[in-house]
Amino acid sequence: MLRIKELLEEKNISIYQLSKLTGLYDSTLNNIVNNSEANPTFNKICKIADALEVSLDELRGDKHDPH
């Protein structure tokens, strides 16, 4: 689903740090990262993408080239 875990490792960011960057609870982020939260809201996903400085497509692992 989402490649948050990979991006956290690549950027050397912990769930706790991501929590501070997004304003989301670390327990919420843990649930999203571990796919325990089946349908995270669009708002939550946008906050995560912004904090990790990636596009929504990159966050979901879509490497499709539109050109």
N, C-alpha and C. Protein backbone atom coordinates (compact mmCIF):
# COMPACT_ATOMS: atom_id res chain seq x y z
N MET A 1 0.84 -1.19 0.00
CA MET A 1 0.00 0.00 0.00
C MET A 1 0.88 1.25 0.00
N LEU A 2 1.05 1.87 1.13
CA LEU A 2 1.87 3.08 1.20
C LEU A 2 3.31 2.70 1.52
N ARG A 3 4.24 3.47 0.99
CA ARG A 3 5.64 3.17 1.25
C ARG A 3 6.23 4.06 2.33
N ILE A 4 5.43 4.38 3.32
CA ILE A 4 5.88 5.26 4.40
C ILE A 4 7.09 4.66 5.12
N LYS A 5 7.01 3.38 5.44
CA LYS A 5 8.10 2.75 6.17
C LYS A 5 9.42 2.87 5.42
N GLU A 6 9.39 2.63 4.11
CA GLU A 6 10.59 2.75 3.28
C GLU A 6 11.12 4.18 3.28
N LEU A 7 10.22 5.13 3.15
CA LEU A 7 10.62 6.54 3.11
C LEU A 7 11.20 6.99 4.46
N LEU A 8 10.62 6.49 5.54
CA LEU A 8 11.16 6.83 6.85
C LEU A 8 12.60 6.34 6.98
N GLU A 9 12.83 5.11 6.53
CA GLU A 9 14.18 4.55 6.59
C GLU A 9 15.13 5.33 5.69
N GLU A 10 14.69 5.64 4.46
CA GLU A 10 15.53 6.39 3.51
C GLU A 10 15.92 7.75 4.07
N LYS A 11 14.98 8.40 4.76
CA LYS A 11 15.21 9.75 5.26
C LYS A 11 15.68 9.78 6.71
N ASN A 12 15.83 8.58 7.28
CA ASN A 12 16.30 8.44 8.67
C ASN A 12 15.42 9.25 9.63
N ILE A 13 14.11 9.04 9.50
CA ILE A 13 13.13 9.72 10.34
C ILE A 13 12.36 8.66 11.12
N SER A 14 12.18 8.88 12.40
CA SER A 14 11.42 7.94 13.24
C SER A 14 9.93 8.29 13.19
N ILE A 15 9.11 7.35 13.65
CA ILE A 15 7.67 7.61 13.77
C ILE A 15 7.44 8.81 14.70
N TYR A 16 8.21 8.86 15.76
CA TYR A 16 8.08 9.98 16.71
C TYR A 16 8.37 11.31 16.02
N GLN A 17 9.45 11.36 15.23
CA GLN A 17 9.78 12.59 14.51
C GLN A 17 8.69 12.94 13.50
N LEU A 18 8.18 11.93 12.81
CA LEU A 18 7.10 12.15 11.84
C LEU A 18 5.86 12.68 12.55
N SER A 19 5.61 12.19 13.75
CA SER A 19 4.49 12.66 14.55
C SER A 19 4.62 14.16 14.83
N LYS A 20 5.81 14.58 15.18
CA LYS A 20 6.05 15.99 15.45
C LYS A 20 5.90 16.84 14.18
N LEU A 21 6.33 16.30 13.05
CA LEU A 21 6.24 17.03 11.78
C LEU A 21 4.80 17.15 11.26
N THR A 22 4.00 16.12 11.51
CA THR A 22 2.64 16.08 10.97
C THR A 22 1.57 16.58 11.94
N GLY A 23 1.86 16.50 13.23
CA GLY A 23 0.84 16.83 14.22
C GLY A 23 -0.10 15.65 14.49
N LEU A 24 0.23 14.49 13.92
CA LEU A 24 -0.57 13.29 14.14
C LEU A 24 0.02 12.50 15.31
N TYR A 25 -0.82 11.77 16.02
CA TYR A 25 -0.33 10.93 17.11
C TYR A 25 0.57 9.84 16.56
N ASP A 26 1.62 9.50 17.32
CA ASP A 26 2.51 8.44 16.87
C ASP A 26 1.79 7.11 16.78
N SER A 27 0.78 6.89 17.63
CA SER A 27 0.00 5.65 17.55
C SER A 27 -0.78 5.58 16.24
N THR A 28 -1.30 6.72 15.80
CA THR A 28 -2.01 6.77 14.51
C THR A 28 -1.06 6.45 13.38
N LEU A 29 0.13 7.05 13.43
CA LEU A 29 1.13 6.80 12.39
C LEU A 29 1.57 5.35 12.38
N ASN A 30 1.75 4.78 13.58
CA ASN A 30 2.11 3.35 13.65
C ASN A 30 1.05 2.50 12.98
N ASN A 31 -0.21 2.81 13.23
CA ASN A 31 -1.30 2.05 12.62
C ASN A 31 -1.29 2.19 11.10
N ILE A 32 -1.01 3.38 10.60
CA ILE A 32 -0.97 3.60 9.15
C ILE A 32 0.22 2.85 8.55
N VAL A 33 1.39 2.99 9.17
CA VAL A 33 2.61 2.35 8.66
C VAL A 33 2.46 0.84 8.65
N ASN A 34 1.83 0.30 9.67
CA ASN A 34 1.69 -1.16 9.78
C ASN A 34 0.39 -1.69 9.18
N ASN A 35 -0.28 -0.85 8.39
CA ASN A 35 -1.52 -1.21 7.70
C ASN A 35 -2.63 -1.66 8.64
N SER A 36 -2.58 -1.21 9.90
CA SER A 36 -3.66 -1.52 10.84
C SER A 36 -4.84 -0.57 10.64
N GLU A 37 -4.54 0.61 10.11
CA GLU A 37 -5.60 1.58 9.79
C GLU A 37 -5.90 1.41 8.31
N ALA A 38 -6.99 0.73 8.02
CA ALA A 38 -7.30 0.33 6.64
C ALA A 38 -7.48 1.52 5.69
N ASN A 39 -8.14 2.57 6.13
CA ASN A 39 -8.43 3.70 5.26
C ASN A 39 -8.09 5.02 5.92
N PRO A 40 -6.79 5.35 5.96
CA PRO A 40 -6.44 6.65 6.54
C PRO A 40 -7.05 7.78 5.72
N THR A 41 -7.39 8.86 6.37
CA THR A 41 -8.03 9.96 5.66
C THR A 41 -7.04 10.64 4.70
N PHE A 42 -7.60 11.28 3.72
CA PHE A 42 -6.81 12.02 2.74
C PHE A 42 -5.96 13.08 3.44
N ASN A 43 -6.55 13.74 4.42
CA ASN A 43 -5.86 14.77 5.18
C ASN A 43 -4.61 14.20 5.86
N LYS A 44 -4.74 13.04 6.47
CA LYS A 44 -3.60 12.40 7.14
C LYS A 44 -2.51 12.06 6.13
N ILE A 45 -2.91 11.51 5.01
CA ILE A 45 -1.94 11.12 3.98
C ILE A 45 -1.23 12.36 3.43
N CYS A 46 -1.95 13.45 3.25
CA CYS A 46 -1.33 14.70 2.77
C CYS A 46 -0.32 15.23 3.77
N LYS A 47 -0.65 15.17 5.06
CA LYS A 47 0.27 15.62 6.09
C LYS A 47 1.55 14.80 6.08
N ILE A 48 1.40 13.49 5.90
CA ILE A 48 2.57 12.61 5.87
C ILE A 48 3.42 12.90 4.64
N ALA A 49 2.79 13.03 3.49
CA ALA A 49 3.53 13.33 2.26
C ALA A 49 4.26 14.66 2.38
N ASP A 50 3.61 15.67 2.92
CA ASP A 50 4.25 16.98 3.10
C ASP A 50 5.44 16.87 4.04
N ALA A 51 5.27 16.16 5.15
CA ALA A 51 6.35 16.04 6.13
C ALA A 51 7.55 15.29 5.56
N LEU A 52 7.28 14.30 4.70
CA LEU A 52 8.36 13.52 4.09
C LEU A 52 8.88 14.18 2.81
N GLU A 53 8.25 15.28 2.42
CA GLU A 53 8.62 16.04 1.22
C GLU A 53 8.58 15.17 -0.04
N VAL A 54 7.47 14.44 -0.18
CA VAL A 54 7.25 13.62 -1.36
C VAL A 54 5.85 13.89 -1.90
N SER A 55 5.63 13.52 -3.15
CA SER A 55 4.29 13.66 -3.73
C SER A 55 3.40 12.52 -3.24
N LEU A 56 2.12 12.69 -3.42
CA LEU A 56 1.19 11.61 -3.06
C LEU A 56 1.46 10.37 -3.90
N ASP A 57 1.80 10.56 -5.17
CA ASP A 57 2.11 9.42 -6.03
C ASP A 57 3.32 8.66 -5.50
N GLU A 58 4.35 9.40 -5.09
CA GLU A 58 5.54 8.75 -4.57
C GLU A 58 5.23 8.04 -3.26
N LEU A 59 4.38 8.63 -2.45
CA LEU A 59 4.01 8.02 -1.17
C LEU A 59 3.31 6.68 -1.38
N ARG A 60 2.48 6.62 -2.41
CA ARG A 60 1.80 5.34 -2.65
C ARG A 60 2.60 4.40 -3.53
N GLY A 61 3.78 4.85 -3.94
CA GLY A 61 4.65 3.96 -4.69
C GLY A 61 4.38 3.95 -6.18
N ASP A 62 3.66 4.94 -6.66
CA ASP A 62 3.34 5.03 -8.09
C ASP A 62 4.49 5.67 -8.83
N LYS A 63 5.22 4.85 -9.57
CA LYS A 63 6.36 5.37 -10.33
C LYS A 63 5.99 5.59 -11.79
N HIS A 64 4.72 5.67 -12.07
CA HIS A 64 4.22 5.86 -13.42
C HIS A 64 4.71 7.20 -13.96
N ASP A 65 5.25 7.18 -15.13
CA ASP A 65 5.71 8.42 -15.79
C ASP A 65 4.58 8.91 -16.69
N PRO A 66 4.00 10.07 -16.42
CA PRO A 66 2.87 10.55 -17.21
C PRO A 66 3.22 10.94 -18.63
N HIS A 67 4.49 10.99 -19.00
CA HIS A 67 4.88 11.42 -20.33
C HIS A 67 5.02 10.27 -21.26
